[in-house]
Amino acid sequence: MKRTKSSKAWMNQHVNDPYVQLAKQHGYRARSAFKLLEIDAKDKLLKPGMRVVDLGATPGGWAQVAAQKIGASGHVFALDLLDMVGLPNVTFIQGDFTEATVLADLEAKLTGHAVDLVISDMAPNISGIPLADQAKSFYLAELALDFAVKHLKPGGCFLVKVFQGGDFDQYLKTMRSHFKQVQIRKPEASRMQSKEVYVLGKELQA
């Protein structure tokens, strides 16, 4: 299959991306690891002994960072539609987060314990239709928020990727109804041309 100009441009950008090179140098599975590292350096989200849920985990960049930061006394529960190569101290569930049976499997793995942090780097398969892609993105972000509110400990935190669009202000409003602090993060590793930002909810209100 012949490559299009856009796919060639993406490949060139990817190969020359400094964060792709850094990920290789430091042994991270994906450049996205640096997004979480930067946010954590600022907000101190990851601490030893935490229970963390990572939604949209594959290929494992965020789970890898989280597992390293929380250490052997903590645990990461990672979920994705695509398979992921195993990581130490990470329990992986493969499935579609929008399906009730997959959510039930994740909840069963938590064995009734509340979690300290939910992180979500989920994104829909891009169709190229902006309005449709934004709607799918916010749907996933809303599901992730609902999960976080139900499973976080009081005072827990939630970090989620969203794409700025028409529903963004409403999403922030909903976040503020659940968390004492809501902040927007745009890490340097996030490509400037991308509309993605990360919304951070601190201190879930009981």
N, C-alpha and C. Protein backbone atom coordinates (compact mmCIF):
# COMPACT_ATOMS: atom_id res chain seq x y z
N MET A 1 0.85 -1.20 0.00
CA MET A 1 0.00 0.00 0.00
C MET A 1 0.88 1.25 0.00
N LYS A 2 0.62 2.14 -0.94
CA LYS A 2 1.44 3.33 -1.08
C LYS A 2 1.14 4.33 0.04
N ARG A 3 2.21 4.89 0.61
CA ARG A 3 2.03 5.87 1.68
C ARG A 3 1.55 7.20 1.12
N THR A 4 0.65 7.84 1.85
CA THR A 4 0.20 9.17 1.47
C THR A 4 1.22 10.19 1.95
N LYS A 5 1.08 11.42 1.44
CA LYS A 5 1.97 12.49 1.89
C LYS A 5 1.84 12.74 3.38
N SER A 6 0.59 12.65 3.88
CA SER A 6 0.37 12.91 5.31
C SER A 6 1.01 11.83 6.17
N SER A 7 0.94 10.56 5.73
CA SER A 7 1.55 9.49 6.52
C SER A 7 3.07 9.60 6.49
N LYS A 8 3.63 10.02 5.34
CA LYS A 8 5.07 10.24 5.26
C LYS A 8 5.50 11.37 6.18
N ALA A 9 4.70 12.43 6.20
CA ALA A 9 5.02 13.58 7.06
C ALA A 9 4.98 13.18 8.52
N TRP A 10 3.96 12.36 8.89
CA TRP A 10 3.86 11.90 10.27
C TRP A 10 5.07 11.05 10.64
N MET A 11 5.46 10.16 9.74
CA MET A 11 6.60 9.28 10.02
C MET A 11 7.89 10.08 10.19
N ASN A 12 8.07 11.07 9.32
CA ASN A 12 9.26 11.92 9.45
C ASN A 12 9.26 12.68 10.77
N GLN A 13 8.10 13.21 11.14
CA GLN A 13 7.97 13.93 12.40
C GLN A 13 8.25 13.01 13.57
N HIS A 14 7.71 11.79 13.49
CA HIS A 14 7.87 10.83 14.58
C HIS A 14 9.34 10.44 14.76
N VAL A 15 9.99 10.12 13.65
CA VAL A 15 11.39 9.69 13.70
C VAL A 15 12.29 10.80 14.25
N ASN A 16 11.98 12.04 13.89
CA ASN A 16 12.81 13.17 14.31
C ASN A 16 12.36 13.79 15.63
N ASP A 17 11.33 13.25 16.23
CA ASP A 17 10.79 13.78 17.48
C ASP A 17 11.80 13.56 18.62
N PRO A 18 12.22 14.64 19.31
CA PRO A 18 13.21 14.46 20.38
C PRO A 18 12.70 13.58 21.52
N TYR A 19 11.38 13.58 21.76
CA TYR A 19 10.84 12.76 22.85
C TYR A 19 10.82 11.28 22.47
N VAL A 20 10.69 10.99 21.19
CA VAL A 20 10.81 9.61 20.73
C VAL A 20 12.23 9.11 20.99
N GLN A 21 13.20 9.97 20.68
CA GLN A 21 14.60 9.61 20.90
C GLN A 21 14.90 9.45 22.39
N LEU A 22 14.36 10.36 23.21
CA LEU A 22 14.56 10.28 24.65
C LEU A 22 13.94 9.01 25.24
N ALA A 23 12.76 8.65 24.73
CA ALA A 23 12.11 7.43 25.21
C ALA A 23 12.99 6.21 24.95
N LYS A 24 13.61 6.16 23.78
CA LYS A 24 14.52 5.06 23.46
C LYS A 24 15.73 5.06 24.38
N GLN A 25 16.28 6.25 24.62
CA GLN A 25 17.48 6.36 25.45
C GLN A 25 17.22 5.93 26.90
N HIS A 26 16.04 6.27 27.41
CA HIS A 26 15.74 6.00 28.81
C HIS A 26 14.94 4.71 29.03
N GLY A 27 14.66 4.00 27.94
CA GLY A 27 13.98 2.72 28.06
C GLY A 27 12.48 2.81 28.30
N TYR A 28 11.88 3.94 27.93
CA TYR A 28 10.42 4.06 28.06
C TYR A 28 9.75 3.53 26.81
N ARG A 29 8.57 2.99 26.98
CA ARG A 29 7.86 2.37 25.87
C ARG A 29 7.28 3.36 24.88
N ALA A 30 7.05 4.59 25.32
CA ALA A 30 6.43 5.58 24.44
C ALA A 30 6.84 6.98 24.88
N ARG A 31 6.78 7.92 23.93
CA ARG A 31 7.09 9.31 24.23
C ARG A 31 6.11 9.89 25.26
N SER A 32 4.93 9.30 25.35
CA SER A 32 3.92 9.80 26.29
C SER A 32 4.39 9.71 27.73
N ALA A 33 5.39 8.87 28.01
CA ALA A 33 5.92 8.77 29.37
C ALA A 33 6.37 10.14 29.88
N PHE A 34 6.89 10.97 28.98
CA PHE A 34 7.41 12.27 29.39
C PHE A 34 6.30 13.26 29.73
N LYS A 35 5.12 13.04 29.20
CA LYS A 35 3.98 13.88 29.58
C LYS A 35 3.65 13.64 31.06
N LEU A 36 3.56 12.37 31.44
CA LEU A 36 3.25 12.06 32.84
C LEU A 36 4.40 12.46 33.75
N LEU A 37 5.62 12.24 33.33
CA LEU A 37 6.77 12.64 34.14
C LEU A 37 6.77 14.14 34.42
N GLU A 38 6.46 14.93 33.40
CA GLU A 38 6.44 16.39 33.57
C GLU A 38 5.30 16.82 34.50
N ILE A 39 4.12 16.25 34.30
CA ILE A 39 2.99 16.61 35.15
C ILE A 39 3.25 16.19 36.60
N ASP A 40 3.82 15.00 36.76
CA ASP A 40 4.11 14.52 38.11
C ASP A 40 5.18 15.36 38.79
N ALA A 41 6.16 15.83 38.03
CA ALA A 41 7.20 16.67 38.61
C ALA A 41 6.60 17.96 39.16
N LYS A 42 5.56 18.45 38.51
CA LYS A 42 4.91 19.70 38.94
C LYS A 42 3.91 19.46 40.07
N ASP A 43 3.14 18.39 39.95
CA ASP A 43 1.99 18.20 40.84
C ASP A 43 2.16 17.11 41.89
N LYS A 44 3.27 16.36 41.81
CA LYS A 44 3.58 15.34 42.83
C LYS A 44 2.40 14.37 43.02
N LEU A 45 1.96 13.77 41.93
CA LEU A 45 0.80 12.88 41.96
C LEU A 45 1.15 11.47 42.44
N LEU A 46 2.32 10.98 42.05
CA LEU A 46 2.68 9.59 42.28
C LEU A 46 3.58 9.46 43.50
N LYS A 47 3.14 8.64 44.45
CA LYS A 47 3.88 8.45 45.69
C LYS A 47 3.98 6.96 46.01
N PRO A 48 5.02 6.54 46.71
CA PRO A 48 5.18 5.12 47.05
C PRO A 48 3.94 4.55 47.75
N GLY A 49 3.59 3.32 47.35
CA GLY A 49 2.50 2.62 48.00
C GLY A 49 1.11 2.89 47.44
N MET A 50 1.00 3.72 46.42
CA MET A 50 -0.31 4.07 45.88
C MET A 50 -0.91 2.94 45.05
N ARG A 51 -2.23 2.95 44.97
CA ARG A 51 -2.97 2.11 44.02
C ARG A 51 -3.43 3.03 42.90
N VAL A 52 -3.03 2.70 41.67
CA VAL A 52 -3.26 3.57 40.52
C VAL A 52 -3.99 2.79 39.43
N VAL A 53 -4.98 3.43 38.82
CA VAL A 53 -5.64 2.85 37.64
C VAL A 53 -5.25 3.67 36.42
N ASP A 54 -4.77 2.98 35.38
CA ASP A 54 -4.32 3.61 34.14
C ASP A 54 -5.25 3.17 33.01
N LEU A 55 -6.07 4.10 32.52
CA LEU A 55 -7.03 3.80 31.45
C LEU A 55 -6.44 4.21 30.10
N GLY A 56 -6.52 3.32 29.12
CA GLY A 56 -5.91 3.60 27.82
C GLY A 56 -4.41 3.43 27.91
N ALA A 57 -3.96 2.31 28.48
CA ALA A 57 -2.57 2.16 28.91
C ALA A 57 -1.57 1.81 27.81
N THR A 58 -2.00 1.04 26.82
CA THR A 58 -1.08 0.54 25.81
C THR A 58 -0.43 1.70 25.02
N PRO A 59 0.88 1.64 24.76
CA PRO A 59 1.81 0.52 24.94
C PRO A 59 2.44 0.40 26.33
N GLY A 60 2.08 1.29 27.25
CA GLY A 60 2.53 1.13 28.62
C GLY A 60 3.43 2.22 29.15
N GLY A 61 3.56 3.33 28.42
CA GLY A 61 4.43 4.42 28.87
C GLY A 61 4.04 4.98 30.22
N TRP A 62 2.73 5.24 30.40
CA TRP A 62 2.27 5.81 31.68
C TRP A 62 2.31 4.76 32.79
N ALA A 63 1.91 3.53 32.49
CA ALA A 63 1.96 2.46 33.50
C ALA A 63 3.39 2.23 33.97
N GLN A 64 4.32 2.32 33.03
CA GLN A 64 5.73 2.14 33.34
C GLN A 64 6.22 3.21 34.31
N VAL A 65 5.90 4.46 34.03
CA VAL A 65 6.28 5.57 34.91
C VAL A 65 5.62 5.42 36.27
N ALA A 66 4.32 5.13 36.27
CA ALA A 66 3.58 5.00 37.53
C ALA A 66 4.15 3.89 38.39
N ALA A 67 4.41 2.72 37.79
CA ALA A 67 4.93 1.58 38.55
C ALA A 67 6.29 1.91 39.17
N GLN A 68 7.13 2.62 38.43
CA GLN A 68 8.44 3.00 38.96
C GLN A 68 8.30 3.95 40.14
N LYS A 69 7.37 4.89 40.03
CA LYS A 69 7.21 5.92 41.06
C LYS A 69 6.57 5.38 42.34
N ILE A 70 5.63 4.46 42.22
CA ILE A 70 4.93 3.99 43.42
C ILE A 70 5.65 2.82 44.08
N GLY A 71 6.55 2.18 43.36
CA GLY A 71 7.39 1.15 43.96
C GLY A 71 6.66 -0.16 44.23
N ALA A 72 7.39 -1.08 44.85
CA ALA A 72 6.87 -2.43 45.08
C ALA A 72 5.71 -2.46 46.07
N SER A 73 5.58 -1.42 46.89
CA SER A 73 4.49 -1.39 47.87
C SER A 73 3.18 -0.89 47.27
N GLY A 74 3.23 -0.41 46.03
CA GLY A 74 2.03 0.05 45.34
C GLY A 74 1.66 -0.89 44.22
N HIS A 75 0.60 -0.54 43.47
CA HIS A 75 0.22 -1.39 42.35
C HIS A 75 -0.53 -0.57 41.31
N VAL A 76 -0.30 -0.91 40.03
CA VAL A 76 -0.98 -0.27 38.91
C VAL A 76 -1.93 -1.28 38.26
N PHE A 77 -3.15 -0.83 38.01
CA PHE A 77 -4.13 -1.62 37.27
C PHE A 77 -4.34 -0.92 35.93
N ALA A 78 -3.91 -1.56 34.86
CA ALA A 78 -3.90 -0.92 33.54
C ALA A 78 -4.92 -1.60 32.63
N LEU A 79 -5.56 -0.79 31.78
CA LEU A 79 -6.60 -1.32 30.88
C LEU A 79 -6.46 -0.70 29.50
N ASP A 80 -6.64 -1.52 28.49
CA ASP A 80 -6.65 -0.99 27.12
C ASP A 80 -7.32 -2.00 26.19
N LEU A 81 -7.85 -1.48 25.09
CA LEU A 81 -8.46 -2.32 24.06
C LEU A 81 -7.40 -3.19 23.38
N LEU A 82 -6.19 -2.64 23.24
CA LEU A 82 -5.09 -3.37 22.61
C LEU A 82 -4.26 -4.08 23.67
N ASP A 83 -3.59 -5.13 23.25
CA ASP A 83 -2.76 -5.91 24.17
C ASP A 83 -1.54 -5.08 24.61
N MET A 84 -1.00 -5.42 25.76
CA MET A 84 0.18 -4.72 26.28
C MET A 84 1.15 -5.74 26.87
N VAL A 85 2.41 -5.61 26.53
CA VAL A 85 3.43 -6.48 27.11
C VAL A 85 3.51 -6.20 28.60
N GLY A 86 3.64 -7.26 29.39
CA GLY A 86 3.61 -7.14 30.84
C GLY A 86 4.68 -6.24 31.43
N LEU A 87 4.36 -5.68 32.58
CA LEU A 87 5.29 -4.83 33.33
C LEU A 87 5.28 -5.29 34.79
N PRO A 88 6.40 -5.17 35.49
CA PRO A 88 6.41 -5.52 36.91
C PRO A 88 5.43 -4.66 37.70
N ASN A 89 4.70 -5.32 38.61
CA ASN A 89 3.80 -4.62 39.51
C ASN A 89 2.63 -3.94 38.79
N VAL A 90 2.28 -4.47 37.61
CA VAL A 90 1.15 -3.94 36.84
C VAL A 90 0.22 -5.10 36.48
N THR A 91 -1.04 -4.96 36.85
CA THR A 91 -2.08 -5.91 36.42
C THR A 91 -2.77 -5.34 35.20
N PHE A 92 -2.74 -6.09 34.09
CA PHE A 92 -3.30 -5.59 32.84
C PHE A 92 -4.60 -6.29 32.49
N ILE A 93 -5.60 -5.51 32.10
CA ILE A 93 -6.87 -6.03 31.61
C ILE A 93 -7.05 -5.55 30.18
N GLN A 94 -7.23 -6.50 29.25
CA GLN A 94 -7.46 -6.12 27.86
C GLN A 94 -8.95 -6.11 27.57
N GLY A 95 -9.43 -4.98 27.05
CA GLY A 95 -10.83 -4.89 26.70
C GLY A 95 -11.25 -3.46 26.44
N ASP A 96 -12.49 -3.31 26.01
CA ASP A 96 -13.06 -2.01 25.67
C ASP A 96 -13.68 -1.40 26.93
N PHE A 97 -13.15 -0.27 27.38
CA PHE A 97 -13.60 0.36 28.61
C PHE A 97 -15.07 0.76 28.56
N THR A 98 -15.61 0.91 27.36
CA THR A 98 -17.02 1.30 27.24
C THR A 98 -17.97 0.12 27.47
N GLU A 99 -17.44 -1.10 27.58
CA GLU A 99 -18.28 -2.28 27.77
C GLU A 99 -18.40 -2.63 29.25
N ALA A 100 -19.61 -2.91 29.69
CA ALA A 100 -19.88 -3.17 31.10
C ALA A 100 -19.10 -4.38 31.64
N THR A 101 -18.93 -5.41 30.81
CA THR A 101 -18.22 -6.61 31.27
C THR A 101 -16.74 -6.32 31.53
N VAL A 102 -16.16 -5.46 30.72
CA VAL A 102 -14.74 -5.10 30.90
C VAL A 102 -14.58 -4.25 32.16
N LEU A 103 -15.50 -3.31 32.35
CA LEU A 103 -15.48 -2.50 33.57
C LEU A 103 -15.64 -3.38 34.80
N ALA A 104 -16.52 -4.36 34.74
CA ALA A 104 -16.73 -5.27 35.86
C ALA A 104 -15.46 -6.07 36.16
N ASP A 105 -14.74 -6.47 35.12
CA ASP A 105 -13.47 -7.19 35.29
C ASP A 105 -12.46 -6.32 36.03
N LEU A 106 -12.36 -5.06 35.62
CA LEU A 106 -11.44 -4.13 36.29
C LEU A 106 -11.84 -3.95 37.75
N GLU A 107 -13.12 -3.77 37.99
CA GLU A 107 -13.60 -3.58 39.37
C GLU A 107 -13.32 -4.82 40.22
N ALA A 108 -13.44 -6.00 39.62
CA ALA A 108 -13.14 -7.23 40.35
C ALA A 108 -11.67 -7.30 40.75
N LYS A 109 -10.80 -6.84 39.84
CA LYS A 109 -9.36 -6.85 40.15
C LYS A 109 -9.04 -5.90 41.31
N LEU A 110 -9.84 -4.87 41.48
CA LEU A 110 -9.61 -3.92 42.58
C LEU A 110 -10.03 -4.50 43.93
N THR A 111 -10.75 -5.58 43.93
CA THR A 111 -11.20 -6.30 45.13
C THR A 111 -11.80 -5.38 46.20
N GLY A 112 -12.58 -4.42 45.73
CA GLY A 112 -13.28 -3.56 46.67
C GLY A 112 -12.47 -2.44 47.28
N HIS A 113 -11.20 -2.35 46.93
CA HIS A 113 -10.34 -1.29 47.47
C HIS A 113 -10.46 -0.02 46.64
N ALA A 114 -10.55 1.12 47.31
CA ALA A 114 -10.52 2.41 46.61
C ALA A 114 -9.10 2.68 46.13
N VAL A 115 -8.98 3.54 45.13
CA VAL A 115 -7.66 3.85 44.55
C VAL A 115 -7.27 5.29 44.86
N ASP A 116 -5.98 5.55 44.77
CA ASP A 116 -5.44 6.87 45.09
C ASP A 116 -5.44 7.82 43.89
N LEU A 117 -5.27 7.23 42.70
CA LEU A 117 -5.10 8.03 41.49
C LEU A 117 -5.64 7.28 40.29
N VAL A 118 -6.41 7.98 39.46
CA VAL A 118 -6.83 7.46 38.16
C VAL A 118 -6.21 8.33 37.09
N ILE A 119 -5.52 7.71 36.14
CA ILE A 119 -4.93 8.44 35.02
C ILE A 119 -5.51 7.88 33.73
N SER A 120 -5.83 8.76 32.81
CA SER A 120 -6.45 8.33 31.55
C SER A 120 -5.84 9.06 30.37
N ASP A 121 -5.19 8.30 29.51
CA ASP A 121 -4.64 8.84 28.27
C ASP A 121 -5.42 8.27 27.08
N MET A 122 -6.68 7.88 27.35
CA MET A 122 -7.51 7.29 26.31
C MET A 122 -7.79 8.29 25.19
N ALA A 123 -7.85 7.77 23.99
CA ALA A 123 -8.24 8.56 22.83
C ALA A 123 -8.98 7.65 21.87
N PRO A 124 -10.00 8.17 21.17
CA PRO A 124 -10.74 7.33 20.22
C PRO A 124 -9.94 7.11 18.94
N ASN A 125 -10.34 6.11 18.18
CA ASN A 125 -9.79 5.97 16.83
C ASN A 125 -10.23 7.19 16.02
N ILE A 126 -9.27 7.90 15.46
CA ILE A 126 -9.56 9.15 14.77
C ILE A 126 -10.16 8.89 13.40
N SER A 127 -11.32 9.52 13.15
CA SER A 127 -12.00 9.36 11.87
C SER A 127 -11.61 10.46 10.88
N GLY A 128 -11.08 11.56 11.41
CA GLY A 128 -10.77 12.71 10.55
C GLY A 128 -11.90 13.71 10.48
N ILE A 129 -13.03 13.39 11.11
CA ILE A 129 -14.17 14.31 11.18
C ILE A 129 -14.11 14.99 12.55
N PRO A 130 -13.69 16.26 12.62
CA PRO A 130 -13.41 16.91 13.91
C PRO A 130 -14.54 16.81 14.94
N LEU A 131 -15.77 17.10 14.53
CA LEU A 131 -16.87 17.09 15.49
C LEU A 131 -17.11 15.69 16.04
N ALA A 132 -17.03 14.69 15.17
CA ALA A 132 -17.24 13.31 15.61
C ALA A 132 -16.11 12.86 16.53
N ASP A 133 -14.88 13.21 16.18
CA ASP A 133 -13.73 12.82 17.00
C ASP A 133 -13.78 13.48 18.37
N GLN A 134 -14.16 14.76 18.42
CA GLN A 134 -14.28 15.46 19.70
C GLN A 134 -15.36 14.83 20.57
N ALA A 135 -16.49 14.47 19.95
CA ALA A 135 -17.58 13.85 20.70
C ALA A 135 -17.14 12.52 21.30
N LYS A 136 -16.43 11.71 20.52
CA LYS A 136 -15.94 10.43 21.02
C LYS A 136 -14.94 10.64 22.15
N SER A 137 -14.08 11.64 22.00
CA SER A 137 -13.08 11.94 23.03
C SER A 137 -13.73 12.32 24.34
N PHE A 138 -14.74 13.20 24.28
CA PHE A 138 -15.41 13.62 25.51
C PHE A 138 -16.23 12.49 26.13
N TYR A 139 -16.75 11.61 25.30
CA TYR A 139 -17.48 10.45 25.82
C TYR A 139 -16.53 9.59 26.67
N LEU A 140 -15.34 9.33 26.15
CA LEU A 140 -14.35 8.55 26.91
C LEU A 140 -13.93 9.29 28.17
N ALA A 141 -13.75 10.60 28.06
CA ALA A 141 -13.35 11.40 29.23
C ALA A 141 -14.45 11.39 30.29
N GLU A 142 -15.70 11.42 29.86
CA GLU A 142 -16.82 11.36 30.81
C GLU A 142 -16.89 10.00 31.50
N LEU A 143 -16.66 8.93 30.75
CA LEU A 143 -16.64 7.60 31.36
C LEU A 143 -15.51 7.48 32.38
N ALA A 144 -14.35 8.03 32.02
CA ALA A 144 -13.20 7.99 32.92
C ALA A 144 -13.48 8.77 34.20
N LEU A 145 -14.12 9.93 34.06
CA LEU A 145 -14.47 10.74 35.23
C LEU A 145 -15.46 10.00 36.12
N ASP A 146 -16.46 9.38 35.51
CA ASP A 146 -17.45 8.62 36.28
C ASP A 146 -16.76 7.50 37.07
N PHE A 147 -15.84 6.81 36.41
CA PHE A 147 -15.09 5.74 37.08
C PHE A 147 -14.29 6.31 38.25
N ALA A 148 -13.59 7.43 38.00
CA ALA A 148 -12.75 8.03 39.04
C ALA A 148 -13.58 8.43 40.26
N VAL A 149 -14.71 9.07 40.03
CA VAL A 149 -15.55 9.53 41.13
C VAL A 149 -16.04 8.34 41.97
N LYS A 150 -16.30 7.22 41.32
CA LYS A 150 -16.83 6.05 42.03
C LYS A 150 -15.76 5.24 42.75
N HIS A 151 -14.50 5.33 42.29
CA HIS A 151 -13.48 4.42 42.81
C HIS A 151 -12.31 5.10 43.52
N LEU A 152 -12.21 6.41 43.45
CA LEU A 152 -11.14 7.10 44.17
C LEU A 152 -11.45 7.20 45.66
N LYS A 153 -10.38 7.22 46.44
CA LYS A 153 -10.52 7.53 47.85
C LYS A 153 -10.88 9.01 47.97
N PRO A 154 -11.55 9.42 49.05
CA PRO A 154 -11.73 10.86 49.30
C PRO A 154 -10.35 11.53 49.32
N GLY A 155 -10.21 12.61 48.59
CA GLY A 155 -8.91 13.28 48.49
C GLY A 155 -8.05 12.77 47.35
N GLY A 156 -8.54 11.74 46.62
CA GLY A 156 -7.79 11.19 45.50
C GLY A 156 -7.76 12.13 44.31
N CYS A 157 -6.93 11.79 43.32
CA CYS A 157 -6.72 12.66 42.15
C CYS A 157 -7.03 11.93 40.85
N PHE A 158 -7.33 12.74 39.83
CA PHE A 158 -7.73 12.22 38.51
C PHE A 158 -7.08 13.07 37.43
N LEU A 159 -6.36 12.41 36.51
CA LEU A 159 -5.70 13.09 35.40
C LEU A 159 -6.22 12.50 34.10
N VAL A 160 -6.75 13.35 33.21
CA VAL A 160 -7.39 12.84 32.00
C VAL A 160 -7.03 13.69 30.78
N LYS A 161 -6.82 13.01 29.66
CA LYS A 161 -6.59 13.72 28.39
C LYS A 161 -7.92 14.08 27.76
N VAL A 162 -8.05 15.31 27.32
CA VAL A 162 -9.22 15.73 26.57
C VAL A 162 -8.75 16.57 25.38
N PHE A 163 -9.59 16.63 24.36
CA PHE A 163 -9.29 17.47 23.20
C PHE A 163 -10.21 18.68 23.25
N GLN A 164 -9.62 19.86 23.23
CA GLN A 164 -10.40 21.08 23.37
C GLN A 164 -11.43 21.20 22.24
N GLY A 165 -12.64 21.51 22.65
CA GLY A 165 -13.73 21.64 21.68
C GLY A 165 -14.95 22.20 22.36
N GLY A 166 -16.10 22.00 21.75
CA GLY A 166 -17.33 22.63 22.22
C GLY A 166 -17.78 22.18 23.60
N ASP A 167 -17.42 20.97 24.02
CA ASP A 167 -17.86 20.45 25.32
C ASP A 167 -16.85 20.69 26.43
N PHE A 168 -15.76 21.37 26.10
CA PHE A 168 -14.66 21.50 27.06
C PHE A 168 -15.07 22.25 28.33
N ASP A 169 -15.74 23.38 28.18
CA ASP A 169 -16.13 24.18 29.36
C ASP A 169 -17.10 23.41 30.26
N GLN A 170 -18.02 22.68 29.65
CA GLN A 170 -18.96 21.89 30.44
C GLN A 170 -18.24 20.78 31.20
N TYR A 171 -17.24 20.19 30.55
CA TYR A 171 -16.47 19.13 31.20
C TYR A 171 -15.73 19.69 32.41
N LEU A 172 -15.12 20.87 32.24
CA LEU A 172 -14.43 21.51 33.37
C LEU A 172 -15.41 21.79 34.51
N LYS A 173 -16.59 22.23 34.17
CA LYS A 173 -17.60 22.53 35.18
C LYS A 173 -17.96 21.27 35.97
N THR A 174 -18.12 20.16 35.25
CA THR A 174 -18.43 18.89 35.92
C THR A 174 -17.28 18.45 36.81
N MET A 175 -16.05 18.61 36.31
CA MET A 175 -14.87 18.27 37.12
C MET A 175 -14.85 19.08 38.41
N ARG A 176 -15.16 20.36 38.30
CA ARG A 176 -15.11 21.24 39.48
C ARG A 176 -16.19 20.90 40.51
N SER A 177 -17.22 20.21 40.07
CA SER A 177 -18.27 19.79 41.01
C SER A 177 -17.82 18.60 41.86
N HIS A 178 -16.74 17.94 41.43
CA HIS A 178 -16.27 16.75 42.15
C HIS A 178 -14.93 16.94 42.87
N PHE A 179 -14.10 17.87 42.38
CA PHE A 179 -12.76 18.03 42.93
C PHE A 179 -12.56 19.44 43.47
N LYS A 180 -11.77 19.54 44.54
CA LYS A 180 -11.53 20.84 45.16
C LYS A 180 -10.72 21.75 44.25
N GLN A 181 -9.80 21.16 43.48
CA GLN A 181 -8.99 21.94 42.54
C GLN A 181 -9.04 21.28 41.17
N VAL A 182 -9.19 22.07 40.13
CA VAL A 182 -9.14 21.56 38.76
C VAL A 182 -8.19 22.45 37.96
N GLN A 183 -7.20 21.83 37.36
CA GLN A 183 -6.17 22.57 36.63
C GLN A 183 -5.94 21.97 35.26
N ILE A 184 -5.47 22.79 34.34
CA ILE A 184 -5.19 22.33 32.98
C ILE A 184 -3.68 22.28 32.78
N ARG A 185 -3.23 21.18 32.22
CA ARG A 185 -1.80 21.01 31.97
C ARG A 185 -1.58 20.72 30.47
N LYS A 186 -0.58 21.37 29.92
CA LYS A 186 -0.16 21.12 28.53
C LYS A 186 1.35 20.86 28.57
N PRO A 187 1.75 19.61 28.82
CA PRO A 187 3.18 19.32 28.95
C PRO A 187 3.95 19.56 27.65
N GLU A 188 5.23 19.83 27.78
CA GLU A 188 6.06 20.11 26.61
C GLU A 188 6.08 18.95 25.63
N ALA A 189 5.95 17.73 26.15
CA ALA A 189 5.96 16.55 25.27
C ALA A 189 4.68 16.42 24.45
N SER A 190 3.66 17.19 24.77
CA SER A 190 2.45 17.21 23.97
C SER A 190 2.68 18.10 22.76
N ARG A 191 2.49 17.56 21.57
CA ARG A 191 2.79 18.32 20.36
C ARG A 191 1.96 19.59 20.29
N MET A 192 2.61 20.70 19.95
CA MET A 192 1.97 22.01 19.98
C MET A 192 0.74 22.07 19.08
N GLN A 193 0.78 21.39 17.93
CA GLN A 193 -0.34 21.47 17.00
C GLN A 193 -1.54 20.63 17.45
N SER A 194 -1.31 19.78 18.46
CA SER A 194 -2.40 18.95 18.96
C SER A 194 -3.31 19.75 19.89
N LYS A 195 -4.61 19.47 19.81
CA LYS A 195 -5.57 20.14 20.68
C LYS A 195 -5.71 19.43 22.03
N GLU A 196 -4.89 18.41 22.25
CA GLU A 196 -4.99 17.70 23.52
C GLU A 196 -4.44 18.53 24.67
N VAL A 197 -5.13 18.46 25.77
CA VAL A 197 -4.64 19.00 27.04
C VAL A 197 -4.98 17.96 28.10
N TYR A 198 -4.39 18.13 29.26
CA TYR A 198 -4.67 17.22 30.37
C TYR A 198 -5.35 18.01 31.49
N VAL A 199 -6.47 17.49 31.93
CA VAL A 199 -7.22 18.12 33.01
C VAL A 199 -6.95 17.33 34.28
N LEU A 200 -6.54 18.04 35.30
CA LEU A 200 -6.17 17.42 36.56
C LEU A 200 -7.16 17.83 37.66
N GLY A 201 -7.80 16.84 38.24
CA GLY A 201 -8.66 17.07 39.39
C GLY A 201 -7.93 16.64 40.65
N LYS A 202 -7.78 17.55 41.58
CA LYS A 202 -7.09 17.25 42.86
C LYS A 202 -8.09 17.23 44.01
N GLU A 203 -7.91 16.25 44.86
CA GLU A 203 -8.71 16.14 46.09
C GLU A 203 -10.21 15.91 45.81
N LEU A 204 -10.53 14.67 45.51
CA LEU A 204 -11.93 14.31 45.33
C LEU A 204 -12.71 14.65 46.60
N GLN A 205 -13.83 15.32 46.41
CA GLN A 205 -14.64 15.70 47.55
C GLN A 205 -15.52 14.53 47.98
N ALA A 206 -15.57 14.30 49.26
CA ALA A 206 -16.34 13.18 49.80
C ALA A 206 -17.84 13.43 49.61
